[in-house]
Amino acid sequence: MTIRAFRNLPWDVRQKMIQQVDDFLTRRILEIAFLGDGRISWAQVACRIGGGNSPESIRKRTVRMIKCFDQNVQA
């Protein structure tokens, strides 16, 4: 699944998938990026997360998690 495909899922479906994420940081990143008021940049997500996380590391972490969602759906 791509970021675009994930973003196009209904809000409640995205919320349920995100709530199943065990890692707090990854779950928080997904909440900020996909459950907020609107689309925000990876730089804005990284700024809200803090801790010296770069926009690219935030994006890569998100891509890896969304791929896991896709594998769970296919199983």
N, C-alpha and C. Protein backbone atom coordinates (compact mmCIF):
# COMPACT_ATOMS: atom_id res chain seq x y z
N MET A 1 0.85 -1.17 0.00
CA MET A 1 0.00 0.00 0.00
C MET A 1 0.90 1.24 0.00
N THR A 2 0.51 2.23 -0.75
CA THR A 2 1.26 3.48 -0.80
C THR A 2 0.71 4.47 0.21
N ILE A 3 1.47 5.52 0.44
CA ILE A 3 0.99 6.57 1.34
C ILE A 3 -0.30 7.17 0.79
N ARG A 4 -0.34 7.37 -0.51
CA ARG A 4 -1.54 7.94 -1.14
C ARG A 4 -2.75 7.04 -0.94
N ALA A 5 -2.56 5.73 -1.14
CA ALA A 5 -3.66 4.78 -0.95
C ALA A 5 -4.12 4.77 0.50
N PHE A 6 -3.17 4.82 1.43
CA PHE A 6 -3.52 4.84 2.84
C PHE A 6 -4.30 6.11 3.18
N ARG A 7 -3.84 7.24 2.65
CA ARG A 7 -4.50 8.52 2.90
C ARG A 7 -5.93 8.53 2.34
N ASN A 8 -6.17 7.77 1.27
CA ASN A 8 -7.49 7.73 0.65
C ASN A 8 -8.48 6.80 1.35
N LEU A 9 -8.00 6.02 2.31
CA LEU A 9 -8.91 5.18 3.09
C LEU A 9 -9.80 6.07 3.95
N PRO A 10 -10.99 5.61 4.29
CA PRO A 10 -11.85 6.40 5.19
C PRO A 10 -11.14 6.65 6.53
N TRP A 11 -11.43 7.79 7.13
CA TRP A 11 -10.77 8.21 8.37
C TRP A 11 -10.89 7.15 9.46
N ASP A 12 -12.07 6.57 9.62
CA ASP A 12 -12.25 5.59 10.70
C ASP A 12 -11.44 4.31 10.46
N VAL A 13 -11.26 3.93 9.20
CA VAL A 13 -10.44 2.76 8.87
C VAL A 13 -8.98 3.05 9.21
N ARG A 14 -8.50 4.24 8.81
CA ARG A 14 -7.13 4.63 9.15
C ARG A 14 -6.92 4.65 10.66
N GLN A 15 -7.89 5.19 11.38
CA GLN A 15 -7.78 5.28 12.83
C GLN A 15 -7.66 3.89 13.46
N LYS A 16 -8.48 2.95 13.03
CA LYS A 16 -8.43 1.59 13.57
C LYS A 16 -7.08 0.93 13.28
N MET A 17 -6.56 1.13 12.08
CA MET A 17 -5.27 0.55 11.72
C MET A 17 -4.15 1.16 12.57
N ILE A 18 -4.20 2.47 12.74
CA ILE A 18 -3.16 3.17 13.51
C ILE A 18 -3.21 2.76 14.98
N GLN A 19 -4.39 2.55 15.52
CA GLN A 19 -4.52 2.16 16.92
C GLN A 19 -3.89 0.81 17.20
N GLN A 20 -3.71 -0.01 16.19
CA GLN A 20 -3.12 -1.34 16.37
C GLN A 20 -1.60 -1.31 16.40
N VAL A 21 -0.99 -0.16 16.12
CA VAL A 21 0.47 -0.05 16.12
C VAL A 21 0.97 -0.06 17.56
N ASP A 22 1.90 -0.97 17.87
CA ASP A 22 2.42 -1.10 19.23
C ASP A 22 3.41 -0.01 19.61
N ASP A 23 4.26 0.39 18.67
CA ASP A 23 5.30 1.37 18.95
C ASP A 23 4.69 2.77 19.10
N PHE A 24 4.93 3.39 20.27
CA PHE A 24 4.32 4.69 20.55
C PHE A 24 4.73 5.75 19.54
N LEU A 25 6.03 5.85 19.24
CA LEU A 25 6.50 6.90 18.33
C LEU A 25 5.90 6.74 16.94
N THR A 26 5.91 5.53 16.43
CA THR A 26 5.34 5.29 15.10
C THR A 26 3.85 5.60 15.10
N ARG A 27 3.14 5.19 16.13
CA ARG A 27 1.71 5.47 16.22
C ARG A 27 1.46 6.98 16.25
N ARG A 28 2.27 7.71 17.01
CA ARG A 28 2.11 9.17 17.10
C ARG A 28 2.38 9.83 15.75
N ILE A 29 3.40 9.37 15.05
CA ILE A 29 3.71 9.91 13.72
C ILE A 29 2.51 9.71 12.79
N LEU A 30 1.96 8.51 12.80
CA LEU A 30 0.82 8.21 11.93
C LEU A 30 -0.40 9.04 12.31
N GLU A 31 -0.62 9.24 13.60
CA GLU A 31 -1.75 10.07 14.04
C GLU A 31 -1.61 11.50 13.54
N ILE A 32 -0.41 12.05 13.69
CA ILE A 32 -0.18 13.43 13.24
C ILE A 32 -0.32 13.53 11.73
N ALA A 33 0.26 12.58 11.01
CA ALA A 33 0.29 12.66 9.54
C ALA A 33 -1.06 12.35 8.89
N PHE A 34 -1.85 11.44 9.49
CA PHE A 34 -3.03 10.96 8.78
C PHE A 34 -4.36 11.18 9.49
N LEU A 35 -4.34 11.62 10.74
CA LEU A 35 -5.61 11.83 11.44
C LEU A 35 -5.83 13.28 11.84
N GLY A 36 -4.91 14.15 11.45
CA GLY A 36 -5.02 15.55 11.80
C GLY A 36 -6.05 16.28 10.96
N ASP A 37 -6.04 17.60 11.08
CA ASP A 37 -7.02 18.44 10.40
C ASP A 37 -6.82 18.51 8.90
N GLY A 38 -5.63 18.30 8.45
CA GLY A 38 -5.37 18.37 7.01
C GLY A 38 -4.02 17.78 6.70
N ARG A 39 -3.63 17.87 5.45
CA ARG A 39 -2.34 17.33 5.05
C ARG A 39 -1.24 18.27 5.54
N ILE A 40 -0.23 17.69 6.16
CA ILE A 40 0.92 18.48 6.58
C ILE A 40 2.18 17.83 6.02
N SER A 41 3.23 18.61 5.93
CA SER A 41 4.48 18.10 5.35
C SER A 41 5.20 17.21 6.36
N TRP A 42 6.14 16.42 5.84
CA TRP A 42 6.95 15.58 6.72
C TRP A 42 7.78 16.45 7.65
N ALA A 43 8.19 17.62 7.18
CA ALA A 43 8.95 18.54 8.04
C ALA A 43 8.09 19.00 9.22
N GLN A 44 6.82 19.26 8.98
CA GLN A 44 5.93 19.67 10.06
C GLN A 44 5.69 18.52 11.04
N VAL A 45 5.56 17.30 10.53
CA VAL A 45 5.40 16.14 11.40
C VAL A 45 6.65 15.99 12.26
N ALA A 46 7.84 16.08 11.65
CA ALA A 46 9.10 15.94 12.39
C ALA A 46 9.22 17.02 13.46
N CYS A 47 8.80 18.22 13.14
CA CYS A 47 8.85 19.32 14.11
C CYS A 47 7.93 19.04 15.30
N ARG A 48 6.75 18.53 15.05
CA ARG A 48 5.81 18.22 16.13
C ARG A 48 6.30 17.06 16.99
N ILE A 49 6.96 16.09 16.36
CA ILE A 49 7.49 14.94 17.09
C ILE A 49 8.69 15.36 17.93
N GLY A 50 9.55 16.19 17.35
CA GLY A 50 10.75 16.63 18.06
C GLY A 50 11.79 15.53 18.15
N GLY A 51 12.70 15.67 19.10
CA GLY A 51 13.71 14.64 19.34
C GLY A 51 14.77 14.51 18.27
N GLY A 52 14.91 15.52 17.42
CA GLY A 52 15.93 15.46 16.38
C GLY A 52 15.60 14.56 15.21
N ASN A 53 14.35 14.15 15.09
CA ASN A 53 13.93 13.32 13.96
C ASN A 53 13.88 14.16 12.69
N SER A 54 14.47 13.65 11.62
CA SER A 54 14.44 14.38 10.35
C SER A 54 13.15 14.05 9.60
N PRO A 55 12.74 14.94 8.71
CA PRO A 55 11.55 14.65 7.89
C PRO A 55 11.69 13.35 7.11
N GLU A 56 12.90 13.08 6.62
CA GLU A 56 13.12 11.86 5.84
C GLU A 56 12.99 10.61 6.71
N SER A 57 13.51 10.65 7.93
CA SER A 57 13.39 9.48 8.81
C SER A 57 11.94 9.24 9.21
N ILE A 58 11.19 10.31 9.38
CA ILE A 58 9.76 10.21 9.69
C ILE A 58 9.02 9.56 8.52
N ARG A 59 9.33 10.03 7.31
CA ARG A 59 8.68 9.49 6.11
C ARG A 59 9.02 8.01 5.93
N LYS A 60 10.29 7.65 6.09
CA LYS A 60 10.70 6.25 5.91
C LYS A 60 10.04 5.34 6.94
N ARG A 61 9.95 5.80 8.17
CA ARG A 61 9.29 5.02 9.22
C ARG A 61 7.83 4.79 8.85
N THR A 62 7.19 5.82 8.31
CA THR A 62 5.80 5.73 7.89
C THR A 62 5.63 4.74 6.75
N VAL A 63 6.50 4.81 5.76
CA VAL A 63 6.43 3.89 4.61
C VAL A 63 6.57 2.45 5.08
N ARG A 64 7.53 2.18 5.97
CA ARG A 64 7.71 0.82 6.48
C ARG A 64 6.46 0.32 7.20
N MET A 65 5.83 1.18 7.99
CA MET A 65 4.64 0.77 8.74
C MET A 65 3.47 0.52 7.79
N ILE A 66 3.31 1.36 6.80
CA ILE A 66 2.21 1.18 5.85
C ILE A 66 2.39 -0.11 5.05
N LYS A 67 3.63 -0.47 4.75
CA LYS A 67 3.88 -1.75 4.08
C LYS A 67 3.47 -2.91 4.98
N CYS A 68 3.68 -2.77 6.29
CA CYS A 68 3.23 -3.81 7.24
C CYS A 68 1.71 -3.91 7.24
N PHE A 69 1.02 -2.77 7.17
CA PHE A 69 -0.44 -2.79 7.09
C PHE A 69 -0.87 -3.58 5.87
N ASP A 70 -0.21 -3.34 4.75
CA ASP A 70 -0.54 -4.01 3.50
C ASP A 70 -0.35 -5.52 3.62
N GLN A 71 0.72 -5.95 4.26
CA GLN A 71 0.98 -7.38 4.43
C GLN A 71 -0.07 -8.01 5.33
N ASN A 72 -0.51 -7.29 6.36
CA ASN A 72 -1.53 -7.82 7.26
C ASN A 72 -2.88 -7.95 6.56
N VAL A 73 -3.18 -7.05 5.64
CA VAL A 73 -4.44 -7.10 4.91
C VAL A 73 -4.45 -8.30 3.96
N GLN A 74 -3.30 -8.60 3.34
CA GLN A 74 -3.21 -9.70 2.38
C GLN A 74 -3.23 -11.06 3.07
N ALA A 75 -2.80 -11.11 4.33
CA ALA A 75 -2.72 -12.40 5.05
C ALA A 75 -4.09 -12.94 5.39
